[in-house]
């Protein structure tokens, strides 16, 4: 049949179009239900074992109100490639209960759910969606779902998917198939075709949930590759694509941290928090000096989440300075720093004399490298710059003190949480 017109219709009970075959007229719409109000359920699906609901054109449900469920189980929606409305245009729709796009549902054009309000759950388990990487597959910008969003497509989604500003109760996405094999990226689109900025959820649910690494890969699906896509064949297109990565957004990482913290996955939360700062340096538009400082914070103390990392460079520095100090001592490169002329014989580093503190290579290194500890060795002994080893030890001492203060400052900043409290947006 031709276009079904339900513009502004008022239906107290259910609307059943199970197994219907509808096609578009001149306006490209197969079912025109803008602003219709249905008190019960809407069935655009198939009877079990019978033919499916088929629409050769757009199912147009702008601002429709449905009191019950919207079932599109097994529906086949084939929109024109030139249609801007896509296969299912349900922007600002209000559904009291659940929405089902499952059981063999397929759409050749976009699924438009921008600013939709769903009182139950949204089941997104289509068999086939938009295959063109350049076109929109699902627009769920500012979507509101009180229950869960279940994402379980039958194959990887190639078209663009936007969840920007969407708010849902729980997210359930399938990362393994029925046979236990891993689904690459949970069948979410990659290469900058997934938009997550502003997407909020209470928690993850379902079996075989994504691990931390997989979830971070999911977030990084927002970023476009530096290499051009195959369709960017002209020199101008390839030039524009060669350096792009996409706009960095901190919110998806912060949301992931909060979700892990709610269920007590503190290790995952820390990993996500570190990834936020790492990816900001990689994908964000930071000045070169901020990138250098950010890299120091990551590899030294893990942005304050892994303070123990500072122990390794500090130990290397300590051992290196200790070795230089010990060699300098053995080559008579130290001299007494206070009242040496009043003592007979004059104190030397290699021999203790009564009335003057003995030289200790370990103590001198502690004074030089660890600023928070003072054993007073540098008060009584100093390198003799007139000797080759003493001269070298002067500069080594300056270097050791500078790096010692740097490492101590980093450790203190990490321990007090100052680094973690810096706004990474």
Foldseek 3Di string as FASTA:
>chain_A
DEAAEQDQNEAAAEAEQAQPEFEYDPVQARYHNEQYEYNAEYEQFHDVPDHTREYAGARAHEQYEHAAEYERAQYEFEGDPPDPCFRYNYEQYEYQEEYDCYNAREGQTAHEHDLYEHNYEYEAAHAYFHQDLDHHTYEHALYEEAEEYEAHYNAADRYAYEDAQYEYAEYEADQADPVRHGHQLSSYHAQQRYHCHNYAYQEYDDPPDDDLVSVVRNVQSNWHDLAQDPVQPDPVSRVVSNGGTHEQHLVVLVRQLNRCVVVPNNVSNLVSLLVSLVVCLVHNDDDPVVSVVSVCLCQQQSLLPRNVSVVVVLVVLLVVLLVLLVVCLVVQFKAWDPPQVVDVPGDTQVDDDPPADHADSNQVSCVQQAVVDHPCNVVTMATRCVDPSSVVSVVSSVVNNVVSVVSVVSSVCSVVCVSVPPDSD
